[in-house]
N, C-alpha and C. Protein backbone atom coordinates (compact mmCIF):
# COMPACT_ATOMS: atom_id res chain seq x y z
N MET A 1 -5.21 2.03 -69.22
CA MET A 1 -4.86 3.55 -68.71
C MET A 1 -5.93 4.50 -69.36
N ASP A 2 -6.45 4.31 -70.50
CA ASP A 2 -7.39 5.29 -71.15
C ASP A 2 -8.63 5.25 -70.20
N ASP A 3 -8.83 4.32 -69.43
CA ASP A 3 -10.12 4.17 -68.69
C ASP A 3 -9.93 5.23 -67.50
N PHE A 4 -8.59 5.25 -66.93
CA PHE A 4 -8.40 6.14 -65.88
C PHE A 4 -8.21 7.58 -66.18
N LEU A 5 -7.85 7.86 -67.57
CA LEU A 5 -7.72 9.35 -68.03
C LEU A 5 -8.87 9.91 -68.45
N ASN A 6 -9.19 11.15 -68.47
CA ASN A 6 -10.29 11.93 -69.00
C ASN A 6 -10.44 11.48 -70.46
N GLU A 7 -11.59 11.63 -71.10
CA GLU A 7 -11.74 11.28 -72.37
C GLU A 7 -10.94 12.08 -73.42
N PHE A 8 -10.84 13.32 -73.22
CA PHE A 8 -10.17 14.11 -74.20
C PHE A 8 -8.62 14.12 -74.08
N VAL A 9 -8.13 13.57 -72.87
CA VAL A 9 -6.71 13.34 -72.87
C VAL A 9 -6.32 11.99 -73.19
N GLY A 10 -7.24 11.07 -73.36
CA GLY A 10 -6.86 9.82 -73.91
C GLY A 10 -6.43 9.95 -75.32
N LYS A 11 -7.00 10.90 -76.05
CA LYS A 11 -6.54 11.06 -77.41
C LYS A 11 -5.14 11.79 -77.32
N LEU A 12 -4.21 11.09 -77.95
CA LEU A 12 -2.70 11.48 -77.81
C LEU A 12 -2.52 12.89 -78.30
N GLN A 13 -3.16 13.40 -79.25
CA GLN A 13 -2.90 14.72 -79.62
C GLN A 13 -3.19 15.86 -78.63
N ALA A 14 -3.99 15.68 -77.63
CA ALA A 14 -4.34 16.66 -76.63
C ALA A 14 -3.39 16.57 -75.43
N LEU A 15 -2.88 15.40 -75.26
CA LEU A 15 -2.01 15.19 -74.02
C LEU A 15 -0.76 16.17 -73.93
N PRO A 16 0.07 16.20 -75.14
CA PRO A 16 1.36 17.04 -74.88
C PRO A 16 0.94 18.50 -74.77
N ALA A 17 -0.09 18.94 -75.56
CA ALA A 17 -0.46 20.44 -75.25
C ALA A 17 -0.88 20.64 -73.72
N LEU A 18 -1.57 19.64 -73.24
CA LEU A 18 -2.06 19.84 -71.79
C LEU A 18 -0.91 19.78 -70.87
N ILE A 19 0.12 18.93 -71.04
CA ILE A 19 1.22 18.80 -70.28
C ILE A 19 2.03 20.19 -70.30
N VAL A 20 2.06 20.59 -71.50
CA VAL A 20 2.87 21.95 -71.68
C VAL A 20 2.15 23.09 -70.85
N PHE A 21 0.82 23.21 -70.95
CA PHE A 21 -0.09 24.18 -70.31
C PHE A 21 0.26 24.09 -68.93
N VAL A 22 0.02 22.94 -68.28
CA VAL A 22 0.29 22.65 -66.96
C VAL A 22 1.53 23.02 -66.27
N LEU A 23 2.66 22.69 -67.13
CA LEU A 23 3.94 22.96 -66.73
C LEU A 23 4.29 24.37 -66.66
N LEU A 24 3.61 25.14 -67.71
CA LEU A 24 3.77 26.58 -67.58
C LEU A 24 2.88 27.36 -66.66
N SER A 25 1.64 26.78 -66.57
CA SER A 25 0.77 27.61 -65.80
C SER A 25 0.90 27.38 -64.21
N LEU A 26 1.10 26.33 -63.76
CA LEU A 26 1.37 26.03 -62.34
C LEU A 26 2.56 26.77 -61.60
N PRO A 27 3.67 26.79 -62.28
CA PRO A 27 4.77 27.78 -61.56
C PRO A 27 4.31 29.22 -61.72
N THR A 28 3.65 29.50 -62.76
CA THR A 28 3.32 31.08 -62.88
C THR A 28 2.37 31.47 -61.85
N PHE A 29 1.29 30.63 -61.74
CA PHE A 29 0.42 30.80 -60.63
C PHE A 29 0.97 30.82 -59.33
N ALA A 30 1.96 29.83 -59.07
CA ALA A 30 2.69 29.77 -57.66
C ALA A 30 3.35 31.15 -57.31
N TYR A 31 3.95 31.66 -58.42
CA TYR A 31 4.80 32.76 -58.33
C TYR A 31 3.85 34.04 -57.86
N PHE A 32 2.79 34.33 -58.65
CA PHE A 32 1.84 35.35 -58.31
C PHE A 32 1.14 35.16 -56.93
N TYR A 33 0.75 33.82 -56.64
CA TYR A 33 -0.01 33.53 -55.50
C TYR A 33 0.91 33.84 -54.20
N ASN A 34 2.23 33.39 -54.47
CA ASN A 34 3.37 33.81 -53.40
C ASN A 34 3.40 35.23 -53.18
N LYS A 35 3.50 36.14 -54.27
CA LYS A 35 3.62 37.47 -54.21
C LYS A 35 2.34 38.11 -53.51
N LEU A 36 1.13 37.55 -53.79
CA LEU A 36 -0.05 37.88 -53.08
C LEU A 36 -0.03 37.65 -51.61
N MET A 37 0.40 36.46 -51.33
CA MET A 37 0.54 36.16 -49.86
C MET A 37 1.51 37.00 -49.12
N ASP A 38 2.71 37.42 -49.72
CA ASP A 38 3.56 38.31 -49.05
C ASP A 38 2.95 39.53 -48.82
N ARG A 39 1.95 39.97 -49.64
CA ARG A 39 1.44 41.41 -49.38
C ARG A 39 0.22 41.30 -48.28
N ILE A 40 -0.54 40.25 -48.34
CA ILE A 40 -1.70 40.30 -47.52
C ILE A 40 -1.56 39.61 -46.17
N LEU A 41 -0.57 38.72 -45.84
CA LEU A 41 -0.57 38.01 -44.90
C LEU A 41 0.10 38.72 -43.71
N SER A 42 -0.34 38.43 -42.60
CA SER A 42 0.47 38.90 -41.19
C SER A 42 0.59 37.71 -40.26
N ARG A 43 1.27 38.03 -39.31
CA ARG A 43 1.59 36.87 -38.26
C ARG A 43 0.33 36.45 -37.60
N THR A 44 -0.72 37.06 -37.59
CA THR A 44 -1.82 36.77 -36.83
C THR A 44 -2.80 36.13 -37.59
N GLU A 45 -2.74 35.82 -38.95
CA GLU A 45 -3.74 35.16 -39.70
C GLU A 45 -3.37 33.77 -39.73
N HIS A 46 -4.51 32.98 -40.15
CA HIS A 46 -4.53 31.49 -40.33
C HIS A 46 -3.80 31.25 -41.87
N THR A 47 -2.71 31.11 -41.90
CA THR A 47 -2.06 30.83 -43.17
C THR A 47 -2.31 29.43 -43.82
N SER A 48 -2.90 28.56 -42.96
CA SER A 48 -3.14 27.14 -43.58
C SER A 48 -4.28 27.26 -44.66
N LEU A 49 -5.23 28.06 -44.47
CA LEU A 49 -6.36 28.41 -45.54
C LEU A 49 -5.75 28.86 -46.67
N TYR A 50 -4.78 29.54 -46.86
CA TYR A 50 -4.19 30.04 -48.03
C TYR A 50 -3.40 28.90 -48.65
N VAL A 51 -2.83 28.06 -48.03
CA VAL A 51 -2.21 26.75 -48.47
C VAL A 51 -3.24 25.92 -49.02
N VAL A 52 -4.25 25.84 -48.46
CA VAL A 52 -5.43 24.95 -48.95
C VAL A 52 -5.89 25.48 -50.34
N GLY A 53 -5.83 26.75 -50.57
CA GLY A 53 -6.11 27.48 -51.71
C GLY A 53 -5.24 27.13 -52.87
N GLY A 54 -3.97 27.10 -52.46
CA GLY A 54 -2.87 26.66 -53.46
C GLY A 54 -3.08 25.22 -53.87
N VAL A 55 -3.17 24.47 -52.93
CA VAL A 55 -3.32 22.85 -53.14
C VAL A 55 -4.69 22.56 -54.06
N PHE A 56 -5.71 23.36 -53.78
CA PHE A 56 -6.79 23.23 -54.63
C PHE A 56 -6.52 23.43 -56.06
N VAL A 57 -5.82 24.61 -56.37
CA VAL A 57 -5.46 24.84 -57.62
C VAL A 57 -4.75 23.76 -58.39
N THR A 58 -3.84 23.32 -57.55
CA THR A 58 -2.85 22.10 -58.22
C THR A 58 -3.67 20.83 -58.28
N LEU A 59 -4.59 20.66 -57.54
CA LEU A 59 -5.55 19.53 -57.70
C LEU A 59 -6.54 19.65 -58.97
N ALA A 60 -7.00 20.98 -59.15
CA ALA A 60 -7.74 21.27 -60.41
C ALA A 60 -6.93 21.21 -61.66
N ALA A 61 -5.57 21.38 -61.73
CA ALA A 61 -4.76 21.12 -62.82
C ALA A 61 -4.73 19.67 -62.94
N GLY A 62 -4.43 18.86 -61.92
CA GLY A 62 -4.53 17.38 -62.04
C GLY A 62 -5.81 16.86 -62.57
N ALA A 63 -6.87 17.51 -62.19
CA ALA A 63 -8.18 17.00 -62.78
C ALA A 63 -8.36 17.14 -64.26
N LEU A 64 -7.65 18.11 -64.81
CA LEU A 64 -7.47 18.23 -66.21
C LEU A 64 -7.03 16.82 -66.98
N PHE A 65 -6.17 16.07 -66.30
CA PHE A 65 -5.74 14.60 -66.74
C PHE A 65 -6.78 13.53 -66.38
N SER A 66 -7.05 13.64 -65.11
CA SER A 66 -7.97 12.72 -64.68
C SER A 66 -8.63 13.12 -63.36
N TRP A 67 -9.99 13.22 -63.59
CA TRP A 67 -10.85 13.57 -62.47
C TRP A 67 -10.82 12.63 -61.36
N LYS A 68 -10.72 11.29 -61.68
CA LYS A 68 -10.57 10.18 -60.73
C LYS A 68 -9.40 10.47 -59.93
N SER A 69 -8.29 10.74 -60.50
CA SER A 69 -6.91 10.78 -59.77
C SER A 69 -7.06 12.00 -58.92
N ALA A 70 -7.73 13.34 -59.46
CA ALA A 70 -7.83 14.30 -58.68
C ALA A 70 -8.70 14.14 -57.37
N LEU A 71 -9.66 13.27 -57.49
CA LEU A 71 -10.54 13.05 -56.42
C LEU A 71 -9.94 12.21 -55.35
N LEU A 72 -9.14 11.30 -55.87
CA LEU A 72 -8.22 10.46 -54.91
C LEU A 72 -7.29 11.36 -54.12
N TYR A 73 -6.56 12.22 -54.84
CA TYR A 73 -5.60 13.08 -54.23
C TYR A 73 -6.25 14.14 -53.29
N PHE A 74 -7.44 14.54 -53.63
CA PHE A 74 -8.24 15.41 -52.75
C PHE A 74 -8.38 14.72 -51.42
N LEU A 75 -8.90 13.54 -51.54
CA LEU A 75 -9.19 12.75 -50.36
C LEU A 75 -7.90 12.61 -49.44
N LEU A 76 -6.88 12.31 -50.02
CA LEU A 76 -5.60 12.04 -49.34
C LEU A 76 -5.15 13.38 -48.71
N PHE A 77 -5.13 14.48 -49.57
CA PHE A 77 -4.73 15.64 -48.99
C PHE A 77 -5.66 16.24 -47.86
N ALA A 78 -6.99 15.88 -47.98
CA ALA A 78 -7.70 16.19 -46.85
C ALA A 78 -7.59 15.46 -45.47
N LEU A 79 -7.30 14.09 -45.82
CA LEU A 79 -6.94 13.30 -44.70
C LEU A 79 -5.62 13.64 -43.89
N SER A 80 -4.68 14.09 -44.61
CA SER A 80 -3.41 14.58 -44.02
C SER A 80 -3.43 15.88 -43.72
N GLY A 81 -4.17 16.90 -44.34
CA GLY A 81 -4.15 18.23 -44.13
C GLY A 81 -4.90 18.76 -42.95
N LEU A 82 -6.08 18.17 -42.61
CA LEU A 82 -7.05 18.57 -41.64
C LEU A 82 -6.25 18.64 -40.36
N PRO A 83 -5.54 17.62 -39.83
CA PRO A 83 -4.85 17.76 -38.56
C PRO A 83 -3.98 18.77 -38.57
N MET A 84 -3.26 19.22 -39.62
CA MET A 84 -2.26 20.27 -39.75
C MET A 84 -3.01 21.71 -39.69
N ILE A 85 -4.18 21.73 -40.39
CA ILE A 85 -4.94 22.93 -40.28
C ILE A 85 -5.44 23.25 -38.87
N VAL A 86 -5.85 22.25 -38.23
CA VAL A 86 -6.27 22.47 -36.79
C VAL A 86 -5.21 22.88 -35.97
N GLY A 87 -4.00 22.23 -36.11
CA GLY A 87 -2.80 22.54 -35.28
C GLY A 87 -2.30 24.12 -35.63
N GLU A 88 -2.46 24.40 -36.86
CA GLU A 88 -2.10 25.85 -37.23
C GLU A 88 -2.92 26.84 -36.57
N PHE A 89 -4.24 26.49 -36.68
CA PHE A 89 -5.26 27.43 -35.98
C PHE A 89 -5.03 27.51 -34.48
N ARG A 90 -4.67 26.31 -33.95
CA ARG A 90 -4.40 26.25 -32.39
C ARG A 90 -3.09 27.15 -32.16
N ARG A 91 -2.01 26.99 -33.06
CA ARG A 91 -0.91 27.73 -32.77
C ARG A 91 -1.05 29.17 -32.90
N THR A 92 -1.69 29.54 -33.86
CA THR A 92 -2.00 31.12 -34.26
C THR A 92 -2.77 31.71 -33.09
N GLU A 93 -3.87 31.04 -32.72
CA GLU A 93 -4.64 31.50 -31.56
C GLU A 93 -3.77 31.75 -30.29
N GLN A 94 -2.85 30.66 -30.03
CA GLN A 94 -2.15 30.74 -28.93
C GLN A 94 -1.11 31.94 -28.93
N HIS A 95 -0.54 32.12 -30.08
CA HIS A 95 0.30 33.23 -30.36
C HIS A 95 -0.26 34.54 -30.27
N ASN A 96 -1.44 34.72 -30.65
CA ASN A 96 -2.33 36.01 -30.71
C ASN A 96 -2.66 36.17 -29.10
N LYS A 97 -2.98 35.27 -28.44
CA LYS A 97 -3.31 35.33 -26.94
C LYS A 97 -2.07 35.92 -26.22
N THR A 98 -0.85 35.24 -26.59
CA THR A 98 0.42 35.65 -25.87
C THR A 98 0.68 37.08 -26.15
N VAL A 99 0.52 37.48 -27.29
CA VAL A 99 0.85 38.90 -27.82
C VAL A 99 -0.17 39.87 -27.08
N ARG A 100 -1.35 39.43 -26.83
CA ARG A 100 -2.36 40.28 -26.32
C ARG A 100 -1.82 40.40 -24.71
N GLU A 101 -1.62 39.22 -23.98
CA GLU A 101 -1.07 39.32 -22.85
C GLU A 101 0.06 40.09 -22.36
N ASN A 102 0.96 40.07 -23.26
CA ASN A 102 2.33 40.76 -23.12
C ASN A 102 2.27 42.29 -23.48
N LYS A 103 1.31 42.64 -23.84
CA LYS A 103 1.13 44.20 -24.14
C LYS A 103 1.02 44.88 -22.80
N LEU A 104 1.93 45.87 -22.81
CA LEU A 104 1.98 46.70 -21.50
C LEU A 104 0.62 47.47 -21.20
N ARG A 105 0.19 47.30 -19.94
CA ARG A 105 -1.06 47.98 -19.61
C ARG A 105 -0.77 49.14 -18.66
N ARG A 106 -0.89 50.28 -19.10
CA ARG A 106 -0.53 51.40 -18.37
C ARG A 106 -1.84 52.04 -17.81
N LYS A 107 -1.76 52.25 -16.62
CA LYS A 107 -2.95 52.92 -15.92
C LYS A 107 -2.94 54.37 -15.98
N ARG A 108 -3.84 55.05 -16.16
CA ARG A 108 -3.96 56.43 -16.27
C ARG A 108 -3.71 57.01 -14.96
N LEU A 109 -2.81 57.98 -14.89
CA LEU A 109 -2.58 58.79 -13.57
C LEU A 109 -3.78 59.73 -13.28
N PRO A 110 -4.10 59.81 -11.93
CA PRO A 110 -5.07 60.66 -11.72
C PRO A 110 -4.81 62.25 -12.15
N TYR A 111 -5.72 63.11 -12.24
CA TYR A 111 -5.41 64.48 -12.72
C TYR A 111 -4.53 65.25 -11.78
N ALA A 112 -4.74 64.99 -10.55
CA ALA A 112 -3.86 65.64 -9.54
C ALA A 112 -2.43 65.32 -9.74
N VAL A 113 -2.12 64.11 -10.06
CA VAL A 113 -0.55 63.71 -10.29
C VAL A 113 -0.20 64.54 -11.71
N ASN A 114 -1.03 64.56 -12.59
CA ASN A 114 -0.71 65.28 -13.75
C ASN A 114 -0.24 66.81 -13.47
N GLY A 115 -0.98 67.33 -12.49
CA GLY A 115 -0.80 68.70 -12.05
C GLY A 115 0.47 68.87 -11.23
N TYR A 116 0.83 67.90 -10.44
CA TYR A 116 2.06 67.94 -9.75
C TYR A 116 3.12 67.68 -10.87
N ILE A 117 3.12 66.88 -11.90
CA ILE A 117 4.19 66.65 -12.87
C ILE A 117 4.39 68.13 -13.44
N GLU A 118 3.50 68.66 -13.86
CA GLU A 118 3.38 69.99 -14.49
C GLU A 118 4.15 71.06 -13.57
N ASP A 119 3.75 71.03 -12.37
CA ASP A 119 4.46 71.95 -11.48
C ASP A 119 5.80 71.67 -11.27
N ALA A 120 6.32 70.36 -11.12
CA ALA A 120 7.48 69.90 -11.05
C ALA A 120 8.44 70.37 -12.34
N TYR A 121 7.82 70.06 -13.46
CA TYR A 121 8.36 70.51 -14.79
C TYR A 121 8.69 72.05 -14.88
N ASP A 122 7.71 72.94 -14.33
CA ASP A 122 7.89 74.24 -14.35
C ASP A 122 8.92 74.74 -13.34
N ALA A 123 9.04 74.05 -12.27
CA ALA A 123 10.11 74.29 -11.28
C ALA A 123 11.28 73.95 -11.65
N ALA A 124 11.50 72.88 -12.34
CA ALA A 124 12.74 72.39 -12.78
C ALA A 124 13.31 73.44 -13.93
N ASN A 125 12.40 73.77 -14.80
CA ASN A 125 12.87 74.76 -15.83
C ASN A 125 13.29 75.99 -15.25
N SER A 126 12.52 76.54 -14.14
CA SER A 126 12.95 77.68 -13.46
C SER A 126 14.43 77.57 -12.93
N ALA A 127 14.63 76.50 -12.24
CA ALA A 127 15.79 76.09 -11.52
C ALA A 127 16.96 76.07 -12.56
N GLN A 128 16.61 75.51 -13.76
CA GLN A 128 17.73 75.44 -14.75
C GLN A 128 18.18 76.76 -15.35
N LYS A 129 17.20 77.60 -15.39
CA LYS A 129 17.53 78.99 -15.77
C LYS A 129 18.41 79.69 -14.80
N LEU A 130 17.93 79.55 -13.59
CA LEU A 130 18.76 80.32 -12.47
C LEU A 130 20.20 79.60 -12.35
N LEU A 131 20.48 78.37 -12.44
CA LEU A 131 21.66 77.75 -12.56
C LEU A 131 22.47 78.24 -13.75
N ASP A 132 21.84 78.47 -14.90
CA ASP A 132 22.47 78.98 -16.06
C ASP A 132 23.05 80.38 -15.73
N VAL A 133 22.20 81.15 -15.19
CA VAL A 133 22.58 82.61 -14.81
C VAL A 133 23.88 82.47 -13.87
N ALA A 134 23.66 81.60 -12.84
CA ALA A 134 24.74 81.54 -11.63
C ALA A 134 26.13 81.17 -12.22
N MET A 135 25.94 80.22 -13.34
CA MET A 135 27.27 79.72 -13.93
C MET A 135 27.96 80.88 -14.81
N LYS A 136 27.18 81.73 -15.33
CA LYS A 136 27.77 82.75 -15.95
C LYS A 136 28.38 83.69 -15.16
N HIS A 137 27.81 84.09 -13.97
CA HIS A 137 28.52 85.02 -13.06
C HIS A 137 29.59 84.49 -12.29
N ASN A 138 29.56 83.09 -11.98
CA ASN A 138 30.57 82.57 -11.11
C ASN A 138 31.51 81.45 -11.97
N GLY A 139 31.45 81.70 -13.32
CA GLY A 139 32.30 80.59 -14.06
C GLY A 139 33.58 81.01 -13.97
N LYS A 140 34.15 82.01 -13.47
CA LYS A 140 35.47 82.32 -13.28
C LYS A 140 36.18 81.39 -12.34
N ASN A 141 35.64 81.00 -11.32
CA ASN A 141 36.14 80.19 -10.30
C ASN A 141 35.88 78.77 -10.67
N VAL A 142 36.78 77.86 -10.71
CA VAL A 142 36.65 76.48 -11.17
C VAL A 142 35.87 75.72 -10.00
N GLU A 143 36.32 76.03 -8.83
CA GLU A 143 35.54 75.23 -7.65
C GLU A 143 34.16 75.46 -7.75
N SER A 144 33.78 76.70 -7.83
CA SER A 144 32.25 77.06 -7.75
C SER A 144 31.61 76.62 -8.94
N ALA A 145 32.38 76.74 -10.24
CA ALA A 145 31.59 76.31 -11.45
C ALA A 145 31.36 74.95 -11.48
N LEU A 146 32.11 73.97 -11.02
CA LEU A 146 31.91 72.51 -11.20
C LEU A 146 30.81 72.12 -10.52
N PRO A 147 30.36 72.33 -9.25
CA PRO A 147 29.18 71.94 -8.69
C PRO A 147 27.98 72.50 -9.34
N LEU A 148 28.05 73.66 -9.90
CA LEU A 148 26.86 74.36 -10.55
C LEU A 148 26.67 73.74 -11.93
N ALA A 149 27.75 73.25 -12.64
CA ALA A 149 27.63 72.52 -13.79
C ALA A 149 26.88 71.15 -13.64
N HIS A 150 27.34 70.56 -12.44
CA HIS A 150 26.64 69.14 -12.08
C HIS A 150 25.28 69.40 -11.67
N ALA A 151 25.05 70.49 -11.01
CA ALA A 151 23.46 70.76 -10.61
C ALA A 151 22.69 71.09 -11.96
N SER A 152 23.30 71.62 -12.93
CA SER A 152 22.54 72.04 -14.15
C SER A 152 22.29 70.73 -14.88
N GLN A 153 23.30 69.77 -14.96
CA GLN A 153 23.10 68.68 -15.66
C GLN A 153 21.99 67.75 -14.93
N GLU A 154 22.07 67.68 -13.63
CA GLU A 154 21.04 66.94 -13.01
C GLU A 154 19.66 67.53 -13.10
N MET A 155 19.46 68.78 -13.15
CA MET A 155 18.31 69.40 -13.44
C MET A 155 17.86 69.03 -14.95
N SER A 156 18.68 69.00 -15.91
CA SER A 156 18.39 68.72 -17.26
C SER A 156 17.79 67.34 -17.21
N MET A 157 18.30 66.25 -16.56
CA MET A 157 17.79 64.87 -16.31
C MET A 157 16.38 64.91 -15.87
N VAL A 158 16.15 65.84 -14.71
CA VAL A 158 14.84 65.78 -14.17
C VAL A 158 13.90 66.38 -15.14
N ILE A 159 14.25 67.35 -15.81
CA ILE A 159 13.16 67.75 -17.06
C ILE A 159 12.88 66.73 -17.92
N SER A 160 13.96 66.01 -18.50
CA SER A 160 13.91 64.93 -19.61
C SER A 160 12.93 63.80 -18.94
N ASN A 161 13.20 63.56 -17.68
CA ASN A 161 12.34 62.36 -17.24
C ASN A 161 10.84 62.82 -17.08
N LEU A 162 10.65 64.06 -16.74
CA LEU A 162 9.43 64.62 -16.65
C LEU A 162 8.65 64.56 -17.99
N VAL A 163 9.37 64.93 -18.86
CA VAL A 163 8.83 65.09 -20.35
C VAL A 163 8.38 63.69 -20.82
N GLN A 164 9.27 62.66 -20.41
CA GLN A 164 8.92 61.30 -20.86
C GLN A 164 7.75 60.60 -20.03
N VAL A 165 7.62 61.07 -18.75
CA VAL A 165 6.30 60.72 -18.10
C VAL A 165 5.12 61.36 -18.83
N LYS A 166 5.22 62.61 -19.21
CA LYS A 166 4.13 63.25 -19.87
C LYS A 166 3.70 62.38 -21.20
N LEU A 167 4.83 62.09 -21.96
CA LEU A 167 4.60 61.42 -23.25
C LEU A 167 4.07 60.07 -23.03
N ILE A 168 4.34 59.39 -21.96
CA ILE A 168 3.85 58.12 -21.73
C ILE A 168 2.29 58.23 -21.42
N GLN A 169 1.87 59.24 -20.71
CA GLN A 169 0.67 59.58 -20.42
C GLN A 169 -0.14 59.87 -21.68
N GLY A 170 0.49 60.59 -22.61
CA GLY A 170 -0.17 61.07 -23.79
C GLY A 170 -0.35 59.83 -24.87
N ASP A 171 0.27 58.64 -24.81
CA ASP A 171 0.05 57.60 -25.60
C ASP A 171 -1.28 56.85 -25.39
N GLN A 172 -1.74 57.06 -24.16
CA GLN A 172 -3.05 56.47 -24.02
C GLN A 172 -4.14 57.10 -24.58
């Protein structure tokens, strides 16, 4: 067994201290590394490379005991991890492509259409004011007030929809 372990670990007085060091430092590293990943990662990044970084630190801790063992495990992790890294790159790129394709593409309206929208908005505002005046004067008769109230509500919907069209145009 001494032949497999590093020279300084073969001496029994160093082994318990090294075991305690690794048992305390690896969970501490993992905790802070996870916190860092929470802050910097997004769905569009290749997270497998960060996993490789964490595995590398674990292998480095194992190399403190035996560099031969760490080299063996590095080769094993590389053989099993490489297809997973390639698959994760493929999945992430596919996800990013899907997100790009699903984004709504709005075509800018011609300037003339924007002018017509402004004219319609102004006309609807004027009509709304006239309806309000008519409701104040004819509000005593329920039969005449009900159609005026309905017309006023419809005009408010027209104004709201025109504002929404202008906001959509402004997003571009």
